[in-house]
């Protein structure tokens, strides 16, 4: 596999994270930069008395930062972090219970039973397939994870690193049942043998595919739909077989210096207003009654997507994360 290559900017600092003043809420987020800007603009209009400062990091970097600052956290809240990262016991120990009018209305499957986190959104594994690049190489359209494991795709796939990307770990963990399914783990390794480039973020493989550097990028559904909307010759494929997905969890930090304002902001992120904005970027939206848009359904998302999601043991996926990534790295050398 080729070495890492960073695609575009992986960090977005909407305001300097210096010494927080009264009314300031400092948030760490793993959401994508372009969507953060839209959400923050709406949040500031809804909560004009709060000075909202957001630092954008990839999932792996966000987890590392939280652990590095664990003795003296510098943020008030976490917004949109992969649930399997947030459930790391070392990170979960940094969280305070959070409730709110909007949070309490969310479906139970999108909330922690002890109130430590809630997940207004999630993302679904998908392939970004460049039709022109595929035709140039004389390759068929992959339709399933097993198709993608075929040797005919050797070197033709870009995939995110499970150590740095929530999307990457979601794929490895979902297909292998957190490493417990031998056949699933074998499938993961067969796919890995076809990977020509590993990326740091989950959106980067789709960006590589849409410019034709690789015909196939393992990414998430919104990244594929965004590429289609922008006019690239991309087809989104939701692979047959295991439906891989991840929840994007949010939480309040223990000892937040601006706890009440942080609670207000977090409850806003679970509001109907926020949900209407999420629908422009997200495949999975937890708000009751929310369904994929007409455009999303035309591109292949089922109308009853949330209802069709298989149960995931996020706690086990979190507990086994380090061991599974180490095993994956060892077996793919």
C-alpha atoms as a PDB file:
ATOM      1  CA  UNK A   1       0.000   0.000   0.000  1.00  0.00           C
ATOM      2  CA  UNK A   2       1.215   3.512  -0.756  1.00  0.00           C
ATOM      3  CA  UNK A   3       2.043   5.794   2.201  1.00  0.00           C
ATOM      4  CA  UNK A   4      -0.400   8.206   3.743  1.00  0.00           C
ATOM      5  CA  UNK A   5      -1.394  11.262   1.820  1.00  0.00           C
ATOM      6  CA  UNK A   6      -3.405  14.071   3.384  1.00  0.00           C
ATOM      7  CA  UNK A   7      -6.226  15.290   1.166  1.00  0.00           C
ATOM      8  CA  UNK A   8      -7.177  18.881   1.803  1.00  0.00           C
ATOM      9  CA  UNK A   9      -7.453  20.435   5.224  1.00  0.00           C
ATOM     10  CA  UNK A  10      -8.171  18.092   8.103  1.00  0.00           C
ATOM     11  CA  UNK A  11      -8.576  20.773  10.727  1.00  0.00           C
ATOM     12  CA  UNK A  12     -10.905  23.728  10.958  1.00  0.00           C
ATOM     13  CA  UNK A  13     -10.569  26.297  13.706  1.00  0.00           C
ATOM     14  CA  UNK A  14     -13.590  28.564  13.583  1.00  0.00           C
ATOM     15  CA  UNK A  15     -12.167  30.654  16.403  1.00  0.00           C
ATOM     16  CA  UNK A  16      -8.927  30.600  18.299  1.00  0.00           C
ATOM     17  CA  UNK A  17      -8.959  28.207  21.235  1.00  0.00           C
ATOM     18  CA  UNK A  18      -7.251  30.475  23.718  1.00  0.00           C
ATOM     19  CA  UNK A  19      -8.335  31.279  27.265  1.00  0.00           C
ATOM     20  CA  UNK A  20     -12.106  31.051  27.311  1.00  0.00           C
ATOM     21  CA  UNK A  21     -14.077  34.061  28.515  1.00  0.00           C
ATOM     22  CA  UNK A  22     -17.503  34.209  30.158  1.00  0.00           C
ATOM     23  CA  UNK A  23     -20.168  32.981  27.724  1.00  0.00           C
ATOM     24  CA  UNK A  24     -17.615  31.077  25.647  1.00  0.00           C
ATOM     25  CA  UNK A  25     -18.178  27.413  24.829  1.00  0.00           C
ATOM     26  CA  UNK A  26     -15.210  25.497  23.394  1.00  0.00           C
ATOM     27  CA  UNK A  27     -16.203  22.448  21.363  1.00  0.00           C
ATOM     28  CA  UNK A  28     -14.101  19.700  19.823  1.00  0.00           C
ATOM     29  CA  UNK A  29     -15.702  18.107  16.764  1.00  0.00           C
ATOM     30  CA  UNK A  30     -15.011  15.375  14.205  1.00  0.00           C
ATOM     31  CA  UNK A  31     -17.774  16.544  11.864  1.00  0.00           C
ATOM     32  CA  UNK A  32     -16.696  17.662   8.387  1.00  0.00           C
ATOM     33  CA  UNK A  33     -15.491  21.260   8.035  1.00  0.00           C
ATOM     34  CA  UNK A  34     -18.095  22.422   5.522  1.00  0.00           C
ATOM     35  CA  UNK A  35     -21.034  21.186   7.569  1.00  0.00           C
ATOM     36  CA  UNK A  36     -19.655  22.602  10.827  1.00  0.00           C
ATOM     37  CA  UNK A  37     -19.688  26.084   9.290  1.00  0.00           C
ATOM     38  CA  UNK A  38     -23.390  25.754   8.390  1.00  0.00           C
ATOM     39  CA  UNK A  39     -24.396  24.397  11.801  1.00  0.00           C
ATOM     40  CA  UNK A  40     -22.381  26.986  13.733  1.00  0.00           C
ATOM     41  CA  UNK A  41     -23.970  29.832  11.794  1.00  0.00           C
ATOM     42  CA  UNK A  42     -27.434  28.563  12.782  1.00  0.00           C
ATOM     43  CA  UNK A  43     -26.401  27.862  16.384  1.00  0.00           C
ATOM     44  CA  UNK A  44     -25.081  31.381  16.842  1.00  0.00           C
ATOM     45  CA  UNK A  45     -28.385  32.795  15.596  1.00  0.00           C
ATOM     46  CA  UNK A  46     -30.339  30.541  17.973  1.00  0.00           C
ATOM     47  CA  UNK A  47     -27.980  31.210  20.910  1.00  0.00           C
ATOM     48  CA  UNK A  48     -26.636  34.724  20.267  1.00  0.00           C
ATOM     49  CA  UNK A  49     -25.297  35.146  23.807  1.00  0.00           C
ATOM     50  CA  UNK A  50     -22.902  32.202  23.440  1.00  0.00           C
ATOM     51  CA  UNK A  51     -19.443  32.675  21.924  1.00  0.00           C
ATOM     52  CA  UNK A  52     -19.060  29.306  20.209  1.00  0.00           C
ATOM     53  CA  UNK A  53     -15.539  28.125  19.391  1.00  0.00           C
ATOM     54  CA  UNK A  54     -15.127  24.892  17.443  1.00  0.00           C
ATOM     55  CA  UNK A  55     -11.935  22.970  16.768  1.00  0.00           C
ATOM     56  CA  UNK A  56     -12.300  20.364  14.013  1.00  0.00           C
ATOM     57  CA  UNK A  57     -10.160  17.216  14.231  1.00  0.00           C
ATOM     58  CA  UNK A  58     -10.278  13.758  12.666  1.00  0.00           C
ATOM     59  CA  UNK A  59     -11.685  11.072  14.972  1.00  0.00           C
ATOM     60  CA  UNK A  60      -8.278   9.657  15.871  1.00  0.00           C
ATOM     61  CA  UNK A  61      -6.750  13.077  16.524  1.00  0.00           C
ATOM     62  CA  UNK A  62      -9.759  14.105  18.597  1.00  0.00           C
ATOM     63  CA  UNK A  63      -9.461  11.034  20.801  1.00  0.00           C
ATOM     64  CA  UNK A  64      -5.727  11.605  21.215  1.00  0.00           C
ATOM     65  CA  UNK A  65      -6.263  15.233  22.171  1.00  0.00           C
ATOM     66  CA  UNK A  66      -8.896  14.381  24.763  1.00  0.00           C
ATOM     67  CA  UNK A  67      -6.580  11.842  26.353  1.00  0.00           C
ATOM     68  CA  UNK A  68      -3.610  14.215  26.270  1.00  0.00           C
ATOM     69  CA  UNK A  69      -5.667  16.909  28.014  1.00  0.00           C
ATOM     70  CA  UNK A  70      -7.505  14.534  30.360  1.00  0.00           C
ATOM     71  CA  UNK A  71      -5.878  15.910  33.512  1.00  0.00           C
ATOM     72  CA  UNK A  72      -7.078  19.402  32.627  1.00  0.00           C
ATOM     73  CA  UNK A  73      -9.637  19.407  29.785  1.00  0.00           C
ATOM     74  CA  UNK A  74      -9.659  22.548  27.653  1.00  0.00           C
ATOM     75  CA  UNK A  75     -13.000  21.965  25.973  1.00  0.00           C
ATOM     76  CA  UNK A  76     -16.540  22.146  27.309  1.00  0.00           C
ATOM     77  CA  UNK A  77     -18.181  19.706  24.908  1.00  0.00           C
ATOM     78  CA  UNK A  78     -17.642  17.077  22.230  1.00  0.00           C
ATOM     79  CA  UNK A  79     -19.757  17.278  19.092  1.00  0.00           C
ATOM     80  CA  UNK A  80     -20.063  14.523  16.510  1.00  0.00           C
ATOM     81  CA  UNK A  81     -17.399  12.028  17.584  1.00  0.00           C
ATOM     82  CA  UNK A  82     -17.559   8.377  16.529  1.00  0.00           C
ATOM     83  CA  UNK A  83     -19.416   6.544  19.295  1.00  0.00           C
ATOM     84  CA  UNK A  84     -16.842   3.761  19.311  1.00  0.00           C
ATOM     85  CA  UNK A  85     -14.162   6.356  20.085  1.00  0.00           C
ATOM     86  CA  UNK A  86     -16.231   8.101  22.736  1.00  0.00           C
ATOM     87  CA  UNK A  87     -16.953   4.824  24.520  1.00  0.00           C
ATOM     88  CA  UNK A  88     -13.256   4.269  25.177  1.00  0.00           C
ATOM     89  CA  UNK A  89     -13.350   3.963  29.006  1.00  0.00           C
ATOM     90  CA  UNK A  90     -10.646   6.609  29.350  1.00  0.00           C
ATOM     91  CA  UNK A  91     -12.745   9.094  27.377  1.00  0.00           C
ATOM     92  CA  UNK A  92     -16.089   8.027  28.869  1.00  0.00           C
ATOM     93  CA  UNK A  93     -14.640   8.788  32.311  1.00  0.00           C
ATOM     94  CA  UNK A  94     -14.257  12.434  31.263  1.00  0.00           C
ATOM     95  CA  UNK A  95     -17.956  12.874  30.482  1.00  0.00           C
ATOM     96  CA  UNK A  96     -20.792  14.263  32.595  1.00  0.00           C
ATOM     97  CA  UNK A  97     -24.443  13.154  32.241  1.00  0.00           C
ATOM     98  CA  UNK A  98     -26.348  15.341  29.803  1.00  0.00           C
ATOM     99  CA  UNK A  99     -30.097  15.774  29.406  1.00  0.00           C
ATOM    100  CA  UNK A 100     -32.289  18.353  27.749  1.00  0.00           C
ATOM    101  CA  UNK A 101     -35.711  18.934  26.224  1.00  0.00           C
ATOM    102  CA  UNK A 102     -34.554  17.948  22.738  1.00  0.00           C
ATOM    103  CA  UNK A 103     -32.071  15.296  23.836  1.00  0.00           C
ATOM    104  CA  UNK A 104     -34.716  13.484  25.866  1.00  0.00           C
ATOM    105  CA  UNK A 105     -36.982  13.254  22.804  1.00  0.00           C
ATOM    106  CA  UNK A 106     -34.435  11.315  20.774  1.00  0.00           C
ATOM    107  CA  UNK A 107     -34.988   7.568  20.210  1.00  0.00           C
ATOM    108  CA  UNK A 108     -33.383   5.437  22.934  1.00  0.00           C
ATOM    109  CA  UNK A 109     -31.082   3.733  20.418  1.00  0.00           C
ATOM    110  CA  UNK A 110     -29.415   7.101  19.831  1.00  0.00           C
ATOM    111  CA  UNK A 111     -28.838   7.860  23.522  1.00  0.00           C
ATOM    112  CA  UNK A 112     -26.651   6.332  26.205  1.00  0.00           C
ATOM    113  CA  UNK A 113     -28.663   4.685  28.964  1.00  0.00           C
ATOM    114  CA  UNK A 114     -26.634   6.524  31.599  1.00  0.00           C
ATOM    115  CA  UNK A 115     -26.955   9.847  29.817  1.00  0.00           C
ATOM    116  CA  UNK A 116     -23.262  10.245  29.020  1.00  0.00           C
ATOM    117  CA  UNK A 117     -23.783  10.789  25.291  1.00  0.00           C
ATOM    118  CA  UNK A 118     -26.386  11.164  22.566  1.00  0.00           C
ATOM    119  CA  UNK A 119     -26.088  10.900  18.792  1.00  0.00           C
ATOM    120  CA  UNK A 120     -28.225  13.182  16.586  1.00  0.00           C
ATOM    121  CA  UNK A 121     -26.558  11.825  13.437  1.00  0.00           C
ATOM    122  CA  UNK A 122     -24.579   8.955  11.982  1.00  0.00           C
ATOM    123  CA  UNK A 123     -22.901   7.897   8.773  1.00  0.00           C
ATOM    124  CA  UNK A 124     -23.233   4.869   6.526  1.00  0.00           C
ATOM    125  CA  UNK A 125     -20.416   3.033   4.735  1.00  0.00           C
ATOM    126  CA  UNK A 126     -20.511   3.465   0.973  1.00  0.00           C
ATOM    127  CA  UNK A 127     -18.314   3.137  -2.079  1.00  0.00           C
ATOM    128  CA  UNK A 128     -17.526   6.100  -4.301  1.00  0.00           C
ATOM    129  CA  UNK A 129     -17.017   4.548  -7.742  1.00  0.00           C
ATOM    130  CA  UNK A 130     -15.662   6.620 -10.618  1.00  0.00           C
ATOM    131  CA  UNK A 131     -17.392   5.147 -13.656  1.00  0.00           C
ATOM    132  CA  UNK A 132     -14.876   6.546 -16.151  1.00  0.00           C
ATOM    133  CA  UNK A 133     -11.831   5.302 -14.227  1.00  0.00           C
ATOM    134  CA  UNK A 134     -13.493   1.917 -13.801  1.00  0.00           C
ATOM    135  CA  UNK A 135     -14.191   1.642 -17.544  1.00  0.00           C
ATOM    136  CA  UNK A 136     -10.625   2.673 -18.419  1.00  0.00           C
ATOM    137  CA  UNK A 137      -9.345  -0.249 -16.364  1.00  0.00           C
ATOM    138  CA  UNK A 138     -11.935  -2.671 -17.741  1.00  0.00           C
ATOM    139  CA  UNK A 139     -13.383  -3.386 -14.303  1.00  0.00           C
ATOM    140  CA  UNK A 140     -17.005  -4.226 -13.393  1.00  0.00           C
ATOM    141  CA  UNK A 141     -19.023  -2.189 -10.926  1.00  0.00           C
ATOM    142  CA  UNK A 142     -18.622  -3.698  -7.422  1.00  0.00           C
ATOM    143  CA  UNK A 143     -21.968  -4.350  -5.734  1.00  0.00           C
ATOM    144  CA  UNK A 144     -20.975  -6.096  -2.499  1.00  0.00           C
ATOM    145  CA  UNK A 145     -18.152  -6.276   0.014  1.00  0.00           C
ATOM    146  CA  UNK A 146     -17.320  -9.707  -1.392  1.00  0.00           C
ATOM    147  CA  UNK A 147     -17.039  -8.195  -4.883  1.00  0.00           C
ATOM    148  CA  UNK A 148     -14.584  -5.647  -3.521  1.00  0.00           C
ATOM    149  CA  UNK A 149     -12.419  -8.460  -2.139  1.00  0.00           C
ATOM    150  CA  UNK A 150     -11.826  -9.902  -5.630  1.00  0.00           C
ATOM    151  CA  UNK A 151      -8.159  -9.858  -6.781  1.00  0.00           C
ATOM    152  CA  UNK A 152      -9.291  -8.072  -9.958  1.00  0.00           C
ATOM    153  CA  UNK A 153      -9.418  -4.846  -7.882  1.00  0.00           C
ATOM    154  CA  UNK A 154      -5.821  -5.199  -6.625  1.00  0.00           C
ATOM    155  CA  UNK A 155      -4.385  -1.703  -6.156  1.00  0.00           C
ATOM    156  CA  UNK A 156      -7.586  -0.006  -7.333  1.00  0.00           C
ATOM    157  CA  UNK A 157      -9.081   0.936  -3.956  1.00  0.00           C
ATOM    158  CA  UNK A 158      -8.487   3.837  -1.554  1.00  0.00           C
ATOM    159  CA  UNK A 159      -9.474   3.258   2.076  1.00  0.00           C
ATOM    160  CA  UNK A 160      -9.253   5.277   5.321  1.00  0.00           C
ATOM    161  CA  UNK A 161      -6.890   4.170   8.069  1.00  0.00           C
ATOM    162  CA  UNK A 162      -8.863   2.579  10.948  1.00  0.00           C
ATOM    163  CA  UNK A 163      -6.376   4.084  13.415  1.00  0.00           C
ATOM    164  CA  UNK A 164      -7.052   7.695  12.406  1.00  0.00           C
ATOM    165  CA  UNK A 165     -10.508   7.581  10.848  1.00  0.00           C
ATOM    166  CA  UNK A 166     -13.843   6.731  12.411  1.00  0.00           C
ATOM    167  CA  UNK A 167     -14.995   5.588   8.974  1.00  0.00           C
ATOM    168  CA  UNK A 168     -12.006   3.265   8.675  1.00  0.00           C
ATOM    169  CA  UNK A 169     -12.580   1.675  12.049  1.00  0.00           C
ATOM    170  CA  UNK A 170     -16.313   1.440  11.412  1.00  0.00           C
ATOM    171  CA  UNK A 171     -15.597  -0.628   8.312  1.00  0.00           C
ATOM    172  CA  UNK A 172     -13.157  -3.027   9.986  1.00  0.00           C
ATOM    173  CA  UNK A 173     -15.280  -3.377  13.117  1.00  0.00           C
ATOM    174  CA  UNK A 174     -18.635  -3.767  11.341  1.00  0.00           C
ATOM    175  CA  UNK A 175     -17.502  -6.363   8.827  1.00  0.00           C
ATOM    176  CA  UNK A 176     -15.669  -8.438  11.441  1.00  0.00           C
ATOM    177  CA  UNK A 177     -18.085  -7.960  14.380  1.00  0.00           C
ATOM    178  CA  UNK A 178     -15.290  -6.219  16.282  1.00  0.00           C
ATOM    179  CA  UNK A 179     -12.882  -8.969  15.259  1.00  0.00           C
ATOM    180  CA  UNK A 180     -14.983 -11.834  16.620  1.00  0.00           C
ATOM    181  CA  UNK A 181     -16.207 -13.143  13.236  1.00  0.00           C
ATOM    182  CA  UNK A 182     -13.380 -15.080  11.560  1.00  0.00           C
ATOM    183  CA  UNK A 183     -15.039 -15.060   8.127  1.00  0.00           C
ATOM    184  CA  UNK A 184     -15.724 -11.337   8.420  1.00  0.00           C
ATOM    185  CA  UNK A 185     -12.124 -10.657   9.433  1.00  0.00           C
ATOM    186  CA  UNK A 186     -10.978 -12.681   6.433  1.00  0.00           C
ATOM    187  CA  UNK A 187     -13.155 -10.491   4.200  1.00  0.00           C
ATOM    188  CA  UNK A 188     -11.632  -7.342   5.695  1.00  0.00           C
ATOM    189  CA  UNK A 189      -8.128  -8.631   4.988  1.00  0.00           C
ATOM    190  CA  UNK A 190      -9.026  -9.592   1.415  1.00  0.00           C
ATOM    191  CA  UNK A 191     -10.317  -6.071   0.810  1.00  0.00           C
ATOM    192  CA  UNK A 192      -7.188  -4.605   2.420  1.00  0.00           C
ATOM    193  CA  UNK A 193      -5.008  -6.491  -0.080  1.00  0.00           C
ATOM    194  CA  UNK A 194      -6.665  -4.486  -2.853  1.00  0.00           C
ATOM    195  CA  UNK A 195      -5.980  -1.105  -1.231  1.00  0.00           C
ATOM    196  CA  UNK A 196      -3.572   1.074  -3.180  1.00  0.00           C
ATOM    197  CA  UNK A 197      -3.688   4.045  -0.817  1.00  0.00           C
ATOM    198  CA  UNK A 198      -4.534   4.560   2.841  1.00  0.00           C
ATOM    199  CA  UNK A 199      -5.841   7.984   3.868  1.00  0.00           C
ATOM    200  CA  UNK A 200      -6.119   9.763   7.189  1.00  0.00           C
ATOM    201  CA  UNK A 201      -9.795  10.743   6.915  1.00  0.00           C
ATOM    202  CA  UNK A 202     -13.002   9.028   5.849  1.00  0.00           C
ATOM    203  CA  UNK A 203     -13.864  11.544   3.123  1.00  0.00           C
ATOM    204  CA  UNK A 204     -10.440  11.440   1.445  1.00  0.00           C
ATOM    205  CA  UNK A 205     -10.932   8.122  -0.449  1.00  0.00           C
ATOM    206  CA  UNK A 206     -13.999   9.560  -2.150  1.00  0.00           C
ATOM    207  CA  UNK A 207     -12.053  12.679  -3.107  1.00  0.00           C
ATOM    208  CA  UNK A 208      -9.369  10.477  -4.661  1.00  0.00           C
ATOM    209  CA  UNK A 209     -11.980   8.448  -6.530  1.00  0.00           C
ATOM    210  CA  UNK A 210     -13.863  11.417  -7.899  1.00  0.00           C
ATOM    211  CA  UNK A 211     -10.715  12.804  -9.601  1.00  0.00           C
ATOM    212  CA  UNK A 212      -9.934   9.356 -10.993  1.00  0.00           C
ATOM    213  CA  UNK A 213      -6.746   8.650  -9.078  1.00  0.00           C
ATOM    214  CA  UNK A 214      -8.438   5.458  -7.911  1.00  0.00           C
ATOM    215  CA  UNK A 215     -11.639   4.056  -9.399  1.00  0.00           C
ATOM    216  CA  UNK A 216     -12.990   3.066  -5.976  1.00  0.00           C
ATOM    217  CA  UNK A 217     -12.949   4.867  -2.644  1.00  0.00           C
ATOM    218  CA  UNK A 218     -14.297   3.332   0.556  1.00  0.00           C
ATOM    219  CA  UNK A 219     -16.013   6.229   2.310  1.00  0.00           C
ATOM    220  CA  UNK A 220     -19.451   7.181   3.583  1.00  0.00           C
ATOM    221  CA  UNK A 221     -22.684   7.908   1.767  1.00  0.00           C
ATOM    222  CA  UNK A 222     -22.761  11.684   2.070  1.00  0.00           C
ATOM    223  CA  UNK A 223     -19.294  12.065   0.599  1.00  0.00           C
ATOM    224  CA  UNK A 224     -20.428  10.045  -2.411  1.00  0.00           C
ATOM    225  CA  UNK A 225     -23.641  12.041  -2.825  1.00  0.00           C
ATOM    226  CA  UNK A 226     -21.724  15.311  -2.519  1.00  0.00           C
ATOM    227  CA  UNK A 227     -19.409  14.209  -5.325  1.00  0.00           C
ATOM    228  CA  UNK A 228     -22.391  13.322  -7.507  1.00  0.00           C
ATOM    229  CA  UNK A 229     -23.996  16.695  -6.774  1.00  0.00           C
ATOM    230  CA  UNK A 230     -20.800  18.450  -7.814  1.00  0.00           C
ATOM    231  CA  UNK A 231     -20.857  16.764 -11.212  1.00  0.00           C
ATOM    232  CA  UNK A 232     -18.169  14.113 -10.847  1.00  0.00           C
ATOM    233  CA  UNK A 233     -18.698  10.800 -12.718  1.00  0.00           C
ATOM    234  CA  UNK A 234     -19.336   8.989  -9.441  1.00  0.00           C
ATOM    235  CA  UNK A 235     -21.843   6.286  -8.575  1.00  0.00           C
ATOM    236  CA  UNK A 236     -22.642   5.615  -4.935  1.00  0.00           C
ATOM    237  CA  UNK A 237     -22.779   1.947  -3.998  1.00  0.00           C
ATOM    238  CA  UNK A 238     -24.181   0.798  -0.660  1.00  0.00           C
ATOM    239  CA  UNK A 239     -22.488  -2.616  -0.645  1.00  0.00           C
ATOM    240  CA  UNK A 240     -24.612  -5.704  -0.229  1.00  0.00           C
ATOM    241  CA  UNK A 241     -23.871  -7.651   2.918  1.00  0.00           C
ATOM    242  CA  UNK A 242     -23.157  -6.124   6.285  1.00  0.00           C
ATOM    243  CA  UNK A 243     -24.469  -2.567   6.499  1.00  0.00           C
ATOM    244  CA  UNK A 244     -21.646  -0.700   8.174  1.00  0.00           C
ATOM    245  CA  UNK A 245     -22.530   2.464  10.067  1.00  0.00           C
ATOM    246  CA  UNK A 246     -21.373   4.625  12.933  1.00  0.00           C
ATOM    247  CA  UNK A 247     -23.153   7.054  15.240  1.00  0.00           C
ATOM    248  CA  UNK A 248     -21.761  10.549  15.756  1.00  0.00           C
ATOM    249  CA  UNK A 249     -21.985  11.129  19.488  1.00  0.00           C
ATOM    250  CA  UNK A 250     -21.943  14.348  21.489  1.00  0.00           C
ATOM    251  CA  UNK A 251     -21.262  14.867  25.171  1.00  0.00           C
ATOM    252  CA  UNK A 252     -20.574  17.312  28.003  1.00  0.00           C
ATOM    253  CA  UNK A 253     -17.174  17.355  29.678  1.00  0.00           C
ATOM    254  CA  UNK A 254     -16.929  16.983  33.441  1.00  0.00           C
ATOM    255  CA  UNK A 255     -15.904  20.200  35.105  1.00  0.00           C
ATOM    256  CA  UNK A 256     -16.869  22.355  32.131  1.00  0.00           C
ATOM    257  CA  UNK A 257     -16.165  25.975  33.018  1.00  0.00           C
ATOM    258  CA  UNK A 258     -19.257  27.020  31.096  1.00  0.00           C
ATOM    259  CA  UNK A 259     -21.537  24.111  31.883  1.00  0.00           C
ATOM    260  CA  UNK A 260     -24.923  25.768  31.508  1.00  0.00           C
ATOM    261  CA  UNK A 261     -24.100  27.342  28.157  1.00  0.00           C
ATOM    262  CA  UNK A 262     -22.541  24.069  26.990  1.00  0.00           C
ATOM    263  CA  UNK A 263     -25.737  22.249  27.977  1.00  0.00           C
ATOM    264  CA  UNK A 264     -27.819  24.769  26.031  1.00  0.00           C
ATOM    265  CA  UNK A 265     -25.668  24.336  22.951  1.00  0.00           C
ATOM    266  CA  UNK A 266     -25.727  20.538  23.133  1.00  0.00           C
ATOM    267  CA  UNK A 267     -29.502  20.496  23.492  1.00  0.00           C
ATOM    268  CA  UNK A 268     -29.713  22.740  20.424  1.00  0.00           C
ATOM    269  CA  UNK A 269     -27.742  20.149  18.433  1.00  0.00           C
ATOM    270  CA  UNK A 270     -30.598  17.705  19.096  1.00  0.00           C
ATOM    271  CA  UNK A 271     -33.310  20.205  18.088  1.00  0.00           C
ATOM    272  CA  UNK A 272     -35.646  19.955  15.075  1.00  0.00           C
ATOM    273  CA  UNK A 273     -33.919  23.049  13.665  1.00  0.00           C
ATOM    274  CA  UNK A 274     -30.549  21.332  13.756  1.00  0.00           C
ATOM    275  CA  UNK A 275     -32.069  18.119  12.331  1.00  0.00           C
ATOM    276  CA  UNK A 276     -33.338  20.031   9.290  1.00  0.00           C
ATOM    277  CA  UNK A 277     -29.764  21.154   8.618  1.00  0.00           C
ATOM    278  CA  UNK A 278     -28.306  17.686   9.201  1.00  0.00           C
ATOM    279  CA  UNK A 279     -30.500  16.294   6.467  1.00  0.00           C
ATOM    280  CA  UNK A 280     -28.451  18.273   3.952  1.00  0.00           C
ATOM    281  CA  UNK A 281     -25.295  16.416   4.994  1.00  0.00           C
ATOM    282  CA  UNK A 282     -26.209  13.209   6.805  1.00  0.00           C
ATOM    283  CA  UNK A 283     -27.557   9.840   5.806  1.00  0.00           C
ATOM    284  CA  UNK A 284     -28.616   8.950   9.354  1.00  0.00           C
ATOM    285  CA  UNK A 285     -30.617  11.553  11.301  1.00  0.00           C
ATOM    286  CA  UNK A 286     -32.070  10.516  14.652  1.00  0.00           C
ATOM    287  CA  UNK A 287     -34.924  13.030  14.843  1.00  0.00           C
ATOM    288  CA  UNK A 288     -38.275  11.191  15.054  1.00  0.00           C
ATOM    289  CA  UNK A 289     -39.918  10.974  11.647  1.00  0.00           C
ATOM    290  CA  UNK A 290     -36.805  11.973   9.756  1.00  0.00           C
ATOM    291  CA  UNK A 291     -36.228  10.158   6.461  1.00  0.00           C
ATOM    292  CA  UNK A 292     -33.705  10.457   3.633  1.00  0.00           C
ATOM    293  CA  UNK A 293     -34.463  13.265   1.196  1.00  0.00           C
ATOM    294  CA  UNK A 294     -35.802  12.551  -2.288  1.00  0.00           C
ATOM    295  CA  UNK A 295     -32.326  13.180  -3.667  1.00  0.00           C
ATOM    296  CA  UNK A 296     -30.772  10.725  -1.216  1.00  0.00           C
ATOM    297  CA  UNK A 297     -33.343   8.087  -2.081  1.00  0.00           C
ATOM    298  CA  UNK A 298     -32.684   8.570  -5.805  1.00  0.00           C
ATOM    299  CA  UNK A 299     -29.018   7.881  -5.139  1.00  0.00           C
ATOM    300  CA  UNK A 300     -29.839   4.617  -3.374  1.00  0.00           C
ATOM    301  CA  UNK A 301     -30.621   5.261   0.292  1.00  0.00           C
ATOM    302  CA  UNK A 302     -33.715   3.350   1.493  1.00  0.00           C
ATOM    303  CA  UNK A 303     -36.610   5.472   2.735  1.00  0.00           C
ATOM    304  CA  UNK A 304     -36.676   3.472   5.970  1.00  0.00           C
ATOM    305  CA  UNK A 305     -32.897   3.633   6.475  1.00  0.00           C
ATOM    306  CA  UNK A 306     -32.918   4.088  10.259  1.00  0.00           C
ATOM    307  CA  UNK A 307     -35.305   1.175  10.723  1.00  0.00           C
ATOM    308  CA  UNK A 308     -33.086  -1.093   8.587  1.00  0.00           C
ATOM    309  CA  UNK A 309     -29.872  -0.456  10.514  1.00  0.00           C
ATOM    310  CA  UNK A 310     -28.672  -3.614  12.255  1.00  0.00           C
ATOM    311  CA  UNK A 311     -27.974  -3.498  15.975  1.00  0.00           C
ATOM    312  CA  UNK A 312     -24.335  -2.683  16.746  1.00  0.00           C
ATOM    313  CA  UNK A 313     -22.561  -3.424  19.978  1.00  0.00           C
ATOM    314  CA  UNK A 314     -20.777  -0.083  20.242  1.00  0.00           C
ATOM    315  CA  UNK A 315     -19.462  -0.861  23.715  1.00  0.00           C
ATOM    316  CA  UNK A 316     -17.676  -3.988  22.477  1.00  0.00           C
ATOM    317  CA  UNK A 317     -16.427  -2.167  19.378  1.00  0.00           C
ATOM    318  CA  UNK A 318     -14.984   0.503  21.665  1.00  0.00           C
ATOM    319  CA  UNK A 319     -13.460  -1.973  24.101  1.00  0.00           C
ATOM    320  CA  UNK A 320     -11.809  -3.974  21.315  1.00  0.00           C
ATOM    321  CA  UNK A 321     -10.683  -0.963  19.296  1.00  0.00           C
ATOM    322  CA  UNK A 322      -6.988  -0.886  20.173  1.00  0.00           C
ATOM    323  CA  UNK A 323      -6.601  -4.674  19.942  1.00  0.00           C
ATOM    324  CA  UNK A 324      -8.500  -4.907  16.655  1.00  0.00           C
ATOM    325  CA  UNK A 325      -6.525  -2.091  15.035  1.00  0.00           C
ATOM    326  CA  UNK A 326      -3.252  -3.650  16.209  1.00  0.00           C
ATOM    327  CA  UNK A 327      -4.329  -7.009  14.800  1.00  0.00           C
ATOM    328  CA  UNK A 328      -5.389  -5.422  11.500  1.00  0.00           C
ATOM    329  CA  UNK A 329      -2.074  -3.583  11.190  1.00  0.00           C
ATOM    330  CA  UNK A 330      -0.114  -6.735  11.917  1.00  0.00           C
ATOM    331  CA  UNK A 331      -2.020  -8.805   9.371  1.00  0.00           C
ATOM    332  CA  UNK A 332      -1.867  -6.180   6.590  1.00  0.00           C
ATOM    333  CA  UNK A 333       1.856  -5.444   6.725  1.00  0.00           C
END
